[in-house]
N, C-alpha and C. Protein backbone atom coordinates (compact mmCIF):
# COMPACT_ATOMS: atom_id res chain seq x y z
N MET A 1 -40.66 -0.07 -2.44
CA MET A 1 -40.26 -0.95 -1.38
C MET A 1 -39.27 -1.97 -1.93
N GLN A 2 -39.50 -2.55 -3.06
CA GLN A 2 -38.49 -3.52 -3.63
C GLN A 2 -37.21 -2.81 -3.86
N GLU A 3 -37.14 -1.52 -4.25
CA GLU A 3 -35.94 -0.81 -4.56
C GLU A 3 -35.22 -0.55 -3.27
N ASP A 4 -35.84 -0.29 -2.07
CA ASP A 4 -35.21 -0.15 -0.86
C ASP A 4 -34.54 -1.33 -0.37
N LYS A 5 -35.25 -2.48 -0.60
CA LYS A 5 -34.62 -3.81 -0.29
C LYS A 5 -33.38 -4.04 -1.07
N GLN A 6 -33.40 -3.75 -2.32
CA GLN A 6 -32.17 -3.91 -3.16
C GLN A 6 -31.03 -2.99 -2.71
N LYS A 7 -31.36 -1.74 -2.34
CA LYS A 7 -30.30 -0.97 -1.85
C LYS A 7 -29.67 -1.46 -0.62
N LYS A 8 -30.51 -2.01 0.33
CA LYS A 8 -29.92 -2.61 1.56
C LYS A 8 -29.14 -3.81 1.22
N GLU A 9 -29.56 -4.64 0.32
CA GLU A 9 -28.75 -5.82 0.01
C GLU A 9 -27.41 -5.46 -0.74
N HIS A 10 -27.37 -4.28 -1.39
CA HIS A 10 -26.25 -3.89 -2.13
C HIS A 10 -25.00 -3.65 -1.17
N ILE A 11 -25.27 -3.27 0.05
CA ILE A 11 -24.29 -3.00 1.06
C ILE A 11 -23.84 -4.35 1.64
N VAL A 12 -22.76 -4.96 1.06
CA VAL A 12 -22.28 -6.29 1.57
C VAL A 12 -21.31 -5.99 2.68
N THR A 13 -21.28 -6.68 3.77
CA THR A 13 -20.25 -6.48 4.75
C THR A 13 -19.52 -7.76 5.13
N THR A 14 -18.41 -7.68 5.55
CA THR A 14 -17.56 -8.80 6.03
C THR A 14 -18.02 -9.19 7.41
N ASP A 15 -17.37 -10.21 7.95
CA ASP A 15 -17.64 -10.56 9.36
C ASP A 15 -17.27 -9.40 10.36
N ASN A 16 -16.33 -8.58 9.93
CA ASN A 16 -15.91 -7.49 10.78
C ASN A 16 -16.81 -6.26 10.63
N GLN A 17 -17.80 -6.31 9.77
CA GLN A 17 -18.76 -5.24 9.57
C GLN A 17 -18.14 -3.96 8.86
N VAL A 18 -17.21 -4.26 8.03
CA VAL A 18 -16.56 -3.27 7.18
C VAL A 18 -17.21 -3.36 5.83
N PRO A 19 -17.97 -2.30 5.46
CA PRO A 19 -18.65 -2.40 4.01
C PRO A 19 -17.60 -2.66 2.97
N THR A 20 -17.81 -3.47 2.10
CA THR A 20 -16.86 -3.74 0.94
C THR A 20 -16.92 -2.64 -0.05
N GLU A 21 -17.93 -1.74 -0.01
CA GLU A 21 -18.12 -0.69 -0.89
C GLU A 21 -17.22 0.52 -0.65
N LEU A 22 -16.50 0.56 0.47
CA LEU A 22 -15.79 1.78 0.83
C LEU A 22 -14.90 2.33 -0.33
N SER A 23 -14.17 1.45 -0.97
CA SER A 23 -13.40 1.84 -2.10
C SER A 23 -14.25 2.45 -3.22
N HIS A 24 -15.30 1.78 -3.53
CA HIS A 24 -16.25 2.19 -4.55
C HIS A 24 -16.77 3.58 -4.24
N TRP A 25 -17.26 3.75 -2.97
CA TRP A 25 -17.76 5.07 -2.50
C TRP A 25 -16.74 6.20 -2.70
N LEU A 26 -15.51 5.87 -2.27
CA LEU A 26 -14.49 6.87 -2.33
C LEU A 26 -14.19 7.29 -3.88
N GLU A 27 -14.21 6.20 -4.72
CA GLU A 27 -14.04 6.46 -6.11
C GLU A 27 -15.14 7.38 -6.67
N CYS A 28 -16.40 7.00 -6.27
CA CYS A 28 -17.60 7.86 -6.72
C CYS A 28 -17.46 9.27 -6.34
N VAL A 29 -16.91 9.48 -5.06
CA VAL A 29 -16.71 10.91 -4.54
C VAL A 29 -15.67 11.55 -5.42
N ALA A 30 -14.60 10.79 -5.73
CA ALA A 30 -13.47 11.38 -6.51
C ALA A 30 -13.98 11.67 -8.02
N ILE A 31 -14.68 10.76 -8.53
CA ILE A 31 -14.96 10.90 -10.00
C ILE A 31 -16.26 11.84 -10.31
N LYS A 32 -17.34 11.45 -9.38
CA LYS A 32 -18.63 12.19 -9.69
C LYS A 32 -19.05 13.19 -8.64
N ARG A 33 -18.21 13.31 -7.61
CA ARG A 33 -18.56 14.17 -6.46
C ARG A 33 -19.93 13.71 -5.90
N ASP A 34 -20.04 12.40 -5.80
CA ASP A 34 -21.30 11.76 -5.37
C ASP A 34 -21.60 11.98 -3.88
N GLN A 35 -22.61 12.73 -3.53
CA GLN A 35 -22.95 13.17 -2.21
C GLN A 35 -23.49 11.93 -1.39
N LYS A 36 -24.23 11.10 -2.09
CA LYS A 36 -24.68 9.87 -1.40
C LYS A 36 -23.61 9.00 -0.98
N ALA A 37 -22.58 8.81 -1.77
CA ALA A 37 -21.42 7.96 -1.45
C ALA A 37 -20.66 8.59 -0.30
N PHE A 38 -20.57 9.91 -0.35
CA PHE A 38 -19.84 10.62 0.73
C PHE A 38 -20.57 10.45 1.95
N THR A 39 -21.91 10.52 1.98
CA THR A 39 -22.76 10.30 3.22
C THR A 39 -22.46 8.94 3.73
N GLU A 40 -22.31 7.95 2.92
CA GLU A 40 -22.08 6.56 3.42
C GLU A 40 -20.72 6.44 4.03
N LEU A 41 -19.70 7.12 3.43
CA LEU A 41 -18.41 7.20 4.01
C LEU A 41 -18.43 7.81 5.40
N PHE A 42 -19.12 9.00 5.41
CA PHE A 42 -19.23 9.79 6.63
C PHE A 42 -19.88 8.92 7.73
N LYS A 43 -21.00 8.26 7.46
CA LYS A 43 -21.62 7.38 8.44
C LYS A 43 -20.69 6.30 9.02
N PHE A 44 -19.84 5.78 8.14
CA PHE A 44 -19.05 4.67 8.59
C PHE A 44 -17.76 5.27 9.32
N PHE A 45 -17.15 6.30 8.89
CA PHE A 45 -15.93 6.77 9.47
C PHE A 45 -16.08 7.76 10.63
N ALA A 46 -17.15 8.54 10.62
CA ALA A 46 -17.27 9.57 11.64
C ALA A 46 -17.20 9.01 13.15
N PRO A 47 -17.90 8.00 13.46
CA PRO A 47 -17.84 7.38 14.90
C PRO A 47 -16.42 7.02 15.19
N LYS A 48 -15.71 6.36 14.25
CA LYS A 48 -14.37 5.85 14.47
C LYS A 48 -13.35 7.08 14.66
N ILE A 49 -13.58 8.09 13.83
CA ILE A 49 -12.69 9.28 13.97
C ILE A 49 -12.97 10.01 15.24
N LYS A 50 -14.14 10.03 15.63
CA LYS A 50 -14.49 10.66 16.93
C LYS A 50 -13.89 9.99 18.09
N ARG A 51 -13.94 8.75 18.13
CA ARG A 51 -13.35 7.95 19.19
C ARG A 51 -11.79 8.18 19.24
N PHE A 52 -11.17 8.14 18.02
CA PHE A 52 -9.75 8.45 17.93
C PHE A 52 -9.49 9.84 18.45
N GLY A 53 -10.29 10.85 18.00
CA GLY A 53 -10.08 12.22 18.38
C GLY A 53 -10.24 12.48 19.86
N ILE A 54 -11.31 11.79 20.48
CA ILE A 54 -11.38 11.98 21.93
C ILE A 54 -10.20 11.40 22.58
N ASN A 55 -9.75 10.30 22.13
CA ASN A 55 -8.55 9.61 22.78
C ASN A 55 -7.27 10.47 22.69
N LYS A 56 -7.09 11.00 21.50
CA LYS A 56 -5.85 11.84 21.24
C LYS A 56 -5.96 13.29 21.69
N LEU A 57 -7.14 13.94 21.50
CA LEU A 57 -7.31 15.33 21.74
C LEU A 57 -7.98 15.63 23.00
N ASN A 58 -8.42 14.71 23.67
CA ASN A 58 -8.95 14.71 25.07
C ASN A 58 -10.20 15.59 25.20
N ASN A 59 -10.95 15.88 24.15
CA ASN A 59 -12.24 16.52 24.38
C ASN A 59 -13.10 16.36 23.08
N GLU A 60 -14.34 16.37 23.29
CA GLU A 60 -15.31 16.10 22.25
C GLU A 60 -15.30 17.12 21.08
N ALA A 61 -15.20 18.45 21.55
CA ALA A 61 -15.22 19.49 20.58
C ALA A 61 -14.10 19.36 19.62
N SER A 62 -12.87 19.06 20.01
CA SER A 62 -11.80 18.83 19.20
C SER A 62 -11.96 17.60 18.33
N ALA A 63 -12.58 16.53 18.91
CA ALA A 63 -12.85 15.37 18.21
C ALA A 63 -13.81 15.55 17.04
N ASN A 64 -14.87 16.33 17.34
CA ASN A 64 -15.80 16.71 16.19
C ASN A 64 -15.09 17.63 15.10
N GLU A 65 -14.19 18.48 15.57
CA GLU A 65 -13.38 19.21 14.59
C GLU A 65 -12.53 18.24 13.74
N LEU A 66 -11.92 17.31 14.34
CA LEU A 66 -11.15 16.32 13.63
C LEU A 66 -12.02 15.59 12.59
N ILE A 67 -13.26 15.26 12.96
CA ILE A 67 -14.12 14.60 12.00
C ILE A 67 -14.32 15.53 10.79
N GLN A 68 -14.63 16.78 11.04
CA GLN A 68 -14.83 17.76 9.96
C GLN A 68 -13.62 17.97 9.07
N GLU A 69 -12.47 18.12 9.79
CA GLU A 69 -11.12 18.26 9.01
C GLU A 69 -10.90 17.02 8.15
N THR A 70 -11.02 15.84 8.80
CA THR A 70 -10.74 14.60 8.04
C THR A 70 -11.74 14.43 6.83
N MET A 71 -12.96 14.56 7.07
CA MET A 71 -13.94 14.29 6.02
C MET A 71 -13.88 15.42 4.93
N THR A 72 -13.55 16.59 5.33
CA THR A 72 -13.40 17.62 4.35
C THR A 72 -12.21 17.28 3.49
N SER A 73 -11.12 16.82 4.02
CA SER A 73 -10.02 16.39 3.23
C SER A 73 -10.31 15.17 2.32
N VAL A 74 -11.09 14.35 2.92
CA VAL A 74 -11.50 13.15 2.06
C VAL A 74 -12.26 13.64 0.85
N TRP A 75 -13.15 14.62 1.07
CA TRP A 75 -13.97 15.08 -0.10
C TRP A 75 -13.02 15.74 -1.07
N ARG A 76 -12.10 16.61 -0.60
CA ARG A 76 -11.22 17.39 -1.51
C ARG A 76 -10.16 16.49 -2.16
N LYS A 77 -9.76 15.48 -1.48
CA LYS A 77 -8.58 14.77 -2.02
C LYS A 77 -8.90 13.34 -2.42
N ALA A 78 -10.21 13.02 -2.54
CA ALA A 78 -10.60 11.67 -2.92
C ALA A 78 -9.99 11.17 -4.23
N HIS A 79 -9.72 12.07 -5.13
CA HIS A 79 -9.01 11.72 -6.39
C HIS A 79 -7.60 11.20 -6.20
N LEU A 80 -6.99 11.41 -5.07
CA LEU A 80 -5.69 10.83 -4.84
C LEU A 80 -5.76 9.42 -4.24
N PHE A 81 -6.91 8.88 -3.94
CA PHE A 81 -7.07 7.43 -3.49
C PHE A 81 -6.81 6.54 -4.61
N ASP A 82 -5.98 5.52 -4.42
CA ASP A 82 -5.75 4.49 -5.44
C ASP A 82 -5.95 3.09 -4.76
N SER A 83 -7.07 2.54 -5.11
CA SER A 83 -7.40 1.21 -4.46
C SER A 83 -6.35 0.12 -4.76
N SER A 84 -5.52 0.20 -5.78
CA SER A 84 -4.47 -0.70 -5.92
C SER A 84 -3.26 -0.63 -5.00
N LYS A 85 -3.27 0.52 -4.33
CA LYS A 85 -2.20 0.73 -3.45
C LYS A 85 -2.52 0.46 -1.99
N GLY A 86 -3.80 0.32 -1.63
CA GLY A 86 -4.24 0.07 -0.34
C GLY A 86 -5.73 0.17 -0.08
N ALA A 87 -6.16 -0.15 1.04
CA ALA A 87 -7.55 -0.13 1.41
C ALA A 87 -8.04 1.19 1.63
N ALA A 88 -9.31 1.51 1.48
CA ALA A 88 -9.94 2.79 1.72
C ALA A 88 -9.82 3.15 3.20
N THR A 89 -9.93 2.18 4.03
CA THR A 89 -9.75 2.47 5.42
C THR A 89 -8.36 3.01 5.75
N THR A 90 -7.35 2.40 5.20
CA THR A 90 -5.96 2.86 5.48
C THR A 90 -5.80 4.24 4.96
N TRP A 91 -6.36 4.56 3.81
CA TRP A 91 -6.18 5.94 3.24
C TRP A 91 -6.83 6.97 4.13
N VAL A 92 -8.15 6.68 4.49
CA VAL A 92 -8.92 7.64 5.30
C VAL A 92 -8.21 7.82 6.68
N TYR A 93 -7.75 6.66 7.30
CA TYR A 93 -7.17 6.75 8.65
C TYR A 93 -5.82 7.56 8.56
N THR A 94 -5.08 7.47 7.40
CA THR A 94 -3.91 8.25 7.19
C THR A 94 -4.27 9.76 7.10
N VAL A 95 -5.24 10.01 6.41
CA VAL A 95 -5.74 11.43 6.30
C VAL A 95 -6.15 11.89 7.69
N MET A 96 -6.77 11.08 8.50
CA MET A 96 -7.24 11.42 9.90
C MET A 96 -6.02 11.71 10.71
N ARG A 97 -5.04 10.74 10.68
CA ARG A 97 -3.82 10.86 11.49
C ARG A 97 -3.13 12.28 11.19
N ASN A 98 -2.97 12.57 9.91
CA ASN A 98 -2.38 13.83 9.52
C ASN A 98 -3.10 15.01 10.08
N ALA A 99 -4.48 14.98 9.95
CA ALA A 99 -5.32 16.02 10.44
C ALA A 99 -5.16 16.24 11.98
N CYS A 100 -5.03 15.03 12.63
CA CYS A 100 -4.85 15.04 14.06
C CYS A 100 -3.45 15.63 14.43
N PHE A 101 -2.50 15.26 13.73
CA PHE A 101 -1.11 15.96 14.03
C PHE A 101 -1.12 17.40 13.83
N ASP A 102 -1.87 17.89 12.80
CA ASP A 102 -1.99 19.33 12.58
C ASP A 102 -2.69 19.97 13.75
N MET A 103 -3.77 19.38 14.24
CA MET A 103 -4.51 19.91 15.37
C MET A 103 -3.63 19.95 16.58
N LEU A 104 -2.98 18.84 16.86
CA LEU A 104 -2.04 18.81 18.06
C LEU A 104 -1.03 19.92 17.96
N ARG A 105 -0.49 20.18 16.86
CA ARG A 105 0.39 21.31 16.70
C ARG A 105 -0.15 22.59 17.01
N LYS A 106 -1.36 22.86 16.56
CA LYS A 106 -2.10 24.07 16.90
C LYS A 106 -2.37 24.15 18.36
N ILE A 107 -2.76 23.04 18.97
CA ILE A 107 -2.99 23.06 20.38
C ILE A 107 -1.82 23.41 21.16
N LYS A 108 -0.63 22.85 20.75
CA LYS A 108 0.63 23.17 21.53
C LYS A 108 0.91 24.65 21.41
N ALA A 109 0.67 25.23 20.25
CA ALA A 109 0.93 26.67 19.97
C ALA A 109 0.07 27.57 20.85
N LYS A 110 -1.23 27.15 21.16
CA LYS A 110 -2.13 27.92 21.87
C LYS A 110 -2.92 27.17 22.83
N PRO A 111 -2.24 26.81 23.96
CA PRO A 111 -2.86 25.85 25.00
C PRO A 111 -3.97 26.56 25.73
N GLU A 112 -3.91 27.90 25.93
CA GLU A 112 -4.93 28.57 26.77
C GLU A 112 -6.31 28.53 26.16
N GLN A 113 -6.44 28.25 24.82
CA GLN A 113 -7.73 28.25 24.13
C GLN A 113 -8.52 26.99 24.26
N ASN A 114 -7.97 26.00 25.01
CA ASN A 114 -8.58 24.65 25.06
C ASN A 114 -9.16 24.25 26.39
N LEU A 115 -9.84 25.20 27.05
CA LEU A 115 -10.37 24.98 28.41
C LEU A 115 -11.85 24.58 28.39
N SER A 116 -12.59 24.93 27.33
CA SER A 116 -14.01 24.76 27.45
C SER A 116 -14.53 23.31 27.79
N ASP A 117 -13.90 22.31 27.22
CA ASP A 117 -14.43 20.95 27.56
C ASP A 117 -13.92 20.53 28.97
N ASP A 118 -12.92 21.16 29.46
CA ASP A 118 -12.48 20.93 30.82
C ASP A 118 -13.52 21.41 31.81
N LEU A 119 -14.09 22.63 31.46
CA LEU A 119 -15.08 23.27 32.32
C LEU A 119 -16.47 22.66 32.20
N TRP A 120 -16.77 22.21 30.94
CA TRP A 120 -18.19 21.84 30.65
C TRP A 120 -18.10 20.37 29.96
N PRO A 121 -17.81 19.40 30.64
CA PRO A 121 -17.61 18.07 30.16
C PRO A 121 -18.93 17.25 29.93
N LEU A 122 -19.96 17.97 29.59
CA LEU A 122 -21.28 17.20 29.45
C LEU A 122 -21.28 16.20 28.38
N ASP A 123 -20.65 16.61 27.22
CA ASP A 123 -20.61 15.72 26.11
C ASP A 123 -19.77 14.41 26.41
N SER A 124 -18.82 14.50 27.16
CA SER A 124 -18.01 13.28 27.48
C SER A 124 -18.80 12.32 28.30
N ILE A 125 -19.81 12.76 29.07
CA ILE A 125 -20.58 11.89 29.81
C ILE A 125 -21.44 11.03 28.91
N ALA A 126 -21.98 11.61 27.82
CA ALA A 126 -22.80 10.86 26.90
C ALA A 126 -21.85 9.86 26.13
N ASP A 127 -20.63 10.15 25.96
CA ASP A 127 -19.74 9.25 25.24
C ASP A 127 -19.35 7.99 26.10
N GLU A 128 -19.47 8.15 27.36
CA GLU A 128 -19.16 6.96 28.21
C GLU A 128 -20.11 5.92 28.03
N HIS A 129 -21.24 6.18 27.54
CA HIS A 129 -22.30 5.21 27.22
C HIS A 129 -22.26 4.70 25.79
N SER A 130 -21.15 4.85 25.14
CA SER A 130 -21.03 4.40 23.71
C SER A 130 -21.25 2.90 23.66
N SER A 131 -21.66 2.53 22.51
CA SER A 131 -22.08 1.14 22.32
C SER A 131 -20.89 0.12 22.40
N GLU A 132 -21.12 -0.91 23.22
CA GLU A 132 -20.11 -1.92 23.30
C GLU A 132 -19.95 -2.67 21.94
N GLU A 133 -21.00 -2.71 21.23
CA GLU A 133 -20.99 -3.37 19.89
C GLU A 133 -19.90 -2.65 19.01
N ASP A 134 -19.93 -1.36 19.05
CA ASP A 134 -18.85 -0.59 18.23
C ASP A 134 -17.49 -0.97 18.75
N ASN A 135 -17.28 -1.09 19.96
CA ASN A 135 -15.92 -1.46 20.50
C ASN A 135 -15.56 -2.89 20.03
N PHE A 136 -16.55 -3.82 20.05
CA PHE A 136 -16.32 -5.19 19.66
C PHE A 136 -15.97 -5.23 18.20
N LYS A 137 -16.62 -4.47 17.29
CA LYS A 137 -16.36 -4.38 15.94
C LYS A 137 -14.87 -3.93 15.68
N ASP A 138 -14.50 -2.81 16.45
CA ASP A 138 -13.13 -2.34 16.30
C ASP A 138 -12.13 -3.36 16.83
N HIS A 139 -12.49 -4.05 17.84
CA HIS A 139 -11.56 -5.19 18.33
C HIS A 139 -11.37 -6.23 17.19
N LEU A 140 -12.54 -6.64 16.51
CA LEU A 140 -12.35 -7.60 15.48
C LEU A 140 -11.50 -7.12 14.33
N LEU A 141 -11.60 -5.83 13.99
CA LEU A 141 -10.74 -5.24 12.99
C LEU A 141 -9.35 -5.25 13.42
N SER A 142 -9.13 -4.90 14.66
CA SER A 142 -7.69 -4.86 15.17
C SER A 142 -7.09 -6.23 15.13
N LYS A 143 -7.81 -7.26 15.47
CA LYS A 143 -7.29 -8.64 15.43
C LYS A 143 -6.93 -9.04 13.97
N GLN A 144 -7.84 -8.67 13.05
CA GLN A 144 -7.58 -8.94 11.58
C GLN A 144 -6.32 -8.18 11.15
N MET A 145 -6.18 -6.88 11.55
CA MET A 145 -5.13 -6.13 11.09
C MET A 145 -3.76 -6.67 11.64
N ILE A 146 -3.79 -7.14 12.92
CA ILE A 146 -2.58 -7.75 13.52
C ILE A 146 -2.12 -8.91 12.65
N LYS A 147 -3.06 -9.71 12.16
CA LYS A 147 -2.73 -10.92 11.32
C LYS A 147 -2.09 -10.47 10.06
N TYR A 148 -2.58 -9.35 9.38
CA TYR A 148 -1.98 -8.86 8.18
C TYR A 148 -0.65 -8.26 8.45
N VAL A 149 -0.48 -7.52 9.53
CA VAL A 149 0.83 -6.90 9.87
C VAL A 149 1.88 -7.96 10.09
N ASP A 150 1.49 -9.13 10.68
CA ASP A 150 2.46 -10.15 11.03
C ASP A 150 2.89 -10.91 9.75
N THR A 151 2.23 -10.60 8.58
CA THR A 151 2.68 -11.22 7.35
C THR A 151 3.73 -10.40 6.64
N LEU A 152 3.98 -9.13 7.10
CA LEU A 152 4.93 -8.21 6.46
C LEU A 152 6.42 -8.60 6.93
N PRO A 153 7.37 -8.24 6.12
CA PRO A 153 8.75 -8.38 6.47
C PRO A 153 9.03 -7.74 7.81
N PRO A 154 9.94 -8.15 8.56
CA PRO A 154 10.24 -7.63 9.90
C PRO A 154 10.42 -6.13 9.92
N ALA A 155 11.20 -5.58 8.98
CA ALA A 155 11.41 -4.09 8.97
C ALA A 155 10.08 -3.34 8.77
N GLN A 156 9.26 -3.83 7.96
CA GLN A 156 7.92 -3.19 7.77
C GLN A 156 7.05 -3.28 8.93
N GLN A 157 7.11 -4.45 9.58
CA GLN A 157 6.29 -4.76 10.80
C GLN A 157 6.69 -3.70 11.80
N THR A 158 7.95 -3.52 12.04
CA THR A 158 8.45 -2.54 13.05
C THR A 158 7.87 -1.17 12.81
N VAL A 159 7.91 -0.75 11.53
CA VAL A 159 7.46 0.64 11.18
C VAL A 159 5.93 0.66 11.41
N VAL A 160 5.16 -0.26 10.88
CA VAL A 160 3.70 -0.27 11.06
C VAL A 160 3.31 -0.32 12.53
N LYS A 161 3.88 -1.09 13.28
CA LYS A 161 3.53 -1.20 14.68
C LYS A 161 3.95 0.12 15.42
N GLY A 162 5.05 0.67 15.04
CA GLY A 162 5.43 2.01 15.69
C GLY A 162 4.52 3.09 15.33
N VAL A 163 4.20 3.15 14.01
CA VAL A 163 3.36 4.37 13.63
C VAL A 163 1.95 4.10 14.00
N TYR A 164 1.39 2.89 13.78
CA TYR A 164 -0.12 2.80 14.10
C TYR A 164 -0.39 2.24 15.42
N TYR A 165 0.40 1.39 15.94
CA TYR A 165 0.02 0.83 17.28
C TYR A 165 0.56 1.69 18.48
N GLN A 166 1.91 2.13 18.24
CA GLN A 166 2.38 2.99 19.32
C GLN A 166 2.14 4.45 19.04
N GLU A 167 1.65 4.66 17.86
CA GLU A 167 1.17 6.10 17.39
C GLU A 167 2.30 7.09 17.44
N LEU A 168 3.43 6.61 17.03
CA LEU A 168 4.63 7.53 16.96
C LEU A 168 4.62 8.20 15.60
N SER A 169 5.23 9.35 15.52
CA SER A 169 5.46 9.94 14.13
C SER A 169 6.66 9.20 13.52
N GLN A 170 6.91 9.43 12.31
CA GLN A 170 8.00 8.71 11.66
C GLN A 170 9.29 9.27 12.22
N ASP A 171 9.39 10.50 12.57
CA ASP A 171 10.58 11.11 13.10
C ASP A 171 10.85 10.50 14.57
N GLN A 172 9.76 10.29 15.37
CA GLN A 172 9.93 9.78 16.76
C GLN A 172 10.37 8.23 16.57
N LEU A 173 9.81 7.55 15.59
CA LEU A 173 10.14 6.16 15.44
C LEU A 173 11.61 6.07 15.05
N ALA A 174 12.06 6.94 14.02
CA ALA A 174 13.51 6.90 13.64
C ALA A 174 14.40 7.06 14.79
N LYS A 175 14.05 8.08 15.67
CA LYS A 175 14.91 8.30 16.87
C LYS A 175 14.90 7.12 17.76
N GLN A 176 13.66 6.57 18.03
CA GLN A 176 13.65 5.43 18.89
C GLN A 176 14.40 4.19 18.42
N LEU A 177 14.44 4.01 17.10
CA LEU A 177 15.16 2.82 16.54
C LEU A 177 16.58 3.21 16.23
N GLY A 178 16.98 4.42 16.32
CA GLY A 178 18.36 4.86 16.04
C GLY A 178 18.66 4.73 14.55
N VAL A 179 17.69 4.93 13.68
CA VAL A 179 17.93 4.85 12.23
C VAL A 179 17.60 6.25 11.56
N PRO A 180 18.18 6.49 10.45
CA PRO A 180 17.78 7.70 9.70
C PRO A 180 16.34 7.77 9.36
N LEU A 181 15.80 8.88 9.36
CA LEU A 181 14.31 9.14 8.98
C LEU A 181 14.04 8.63 7.61
N GLY A 182 14.94 8.70 6.73
CA GLY A 182 14.73 8.23 5.36
C GLY A 182 14.49 6.74 5.31
N THR A 183 15.17 6.02 6.19
CA THR A 183 15.01 4.55 6.26
C THR A 183 13.52 4.20 6.77
N ILE A 184 13.04 4.97 7.67
CA ILE A 184 11.63 4.75 8.14
C ILE A 184 10.68 5.04 7.02
N LYS A 185 10.97 6.22 6.35
CA LYS A 185 10.08 6.49 5.20
C LYS A 185 10.06 5.61 4.09
N SER A 186 11.28 5.00 3.81
CA SER A 186 11.37 4.09 2.67
C SER A 186 10.61 2.77 2.99
N HIS A 187 10.63 2.35 4.30
CA HIS A 187 9.85 1.16 4.73
C HIS A 187 8.39 1.38 4.69
N TYR A 188 8.05 2.64 4.97
CA TYR A 188 6.60 3.09 5.13
C TYR A 188 6.04 3.29 3.75
N VAL A 189 6.70 3.75 2.81
CA VAL A 189 6.16 3.97 1.41
C VAL A 189 5.73 2.72 0.75
N TRP A 190 6.27 1.62 1.00
CA TRP A 190 5.99 0.48 0.31
C TRP A 190 4.78 -0.32 0.94
N LEU A 191 4.15 0.31 1.95
CA LEU A 191 2.91 -0.32 2.55
C LEU A 191 1.71 -0.11 1.84
């Protein structure tokens, strides 16, 4: 009983409800292939990835596939995470974005195979009743991120806002701004 209490106390959260252990868990997965740490990462990221997937891929089956693709990549590539270069959330969300782009490319190539959720939208009805508390937590995180982004130099702000808030690819952003793709990439690399 005392041990369970200590484990619960070990998970420290900020006001925004983001566990401070995310980087530690990611490092445990990378170094020790720690399944418990991966489970904690999965519990934290899966609902967020699913919401993103439903928003971008327009159906729950594809959103669930995005969760699997993202978290499989996190498991395989955890050794590439470097906490000195950025937050665990940033790293996992980048993995998620890349997996989503890959899925969107596949969907474009074979659009006729994506009819099932349009015919049987039962899962989307359950998602309509998602917790308002989760939305509020994401709102707090978004407000915090906006504060951080506003501290960046103007060129990097433009790139971050274009890629993460407008959800443009680097190529799309370069075309929109009328600058070479390499310029976008060089501003993006230093983030």
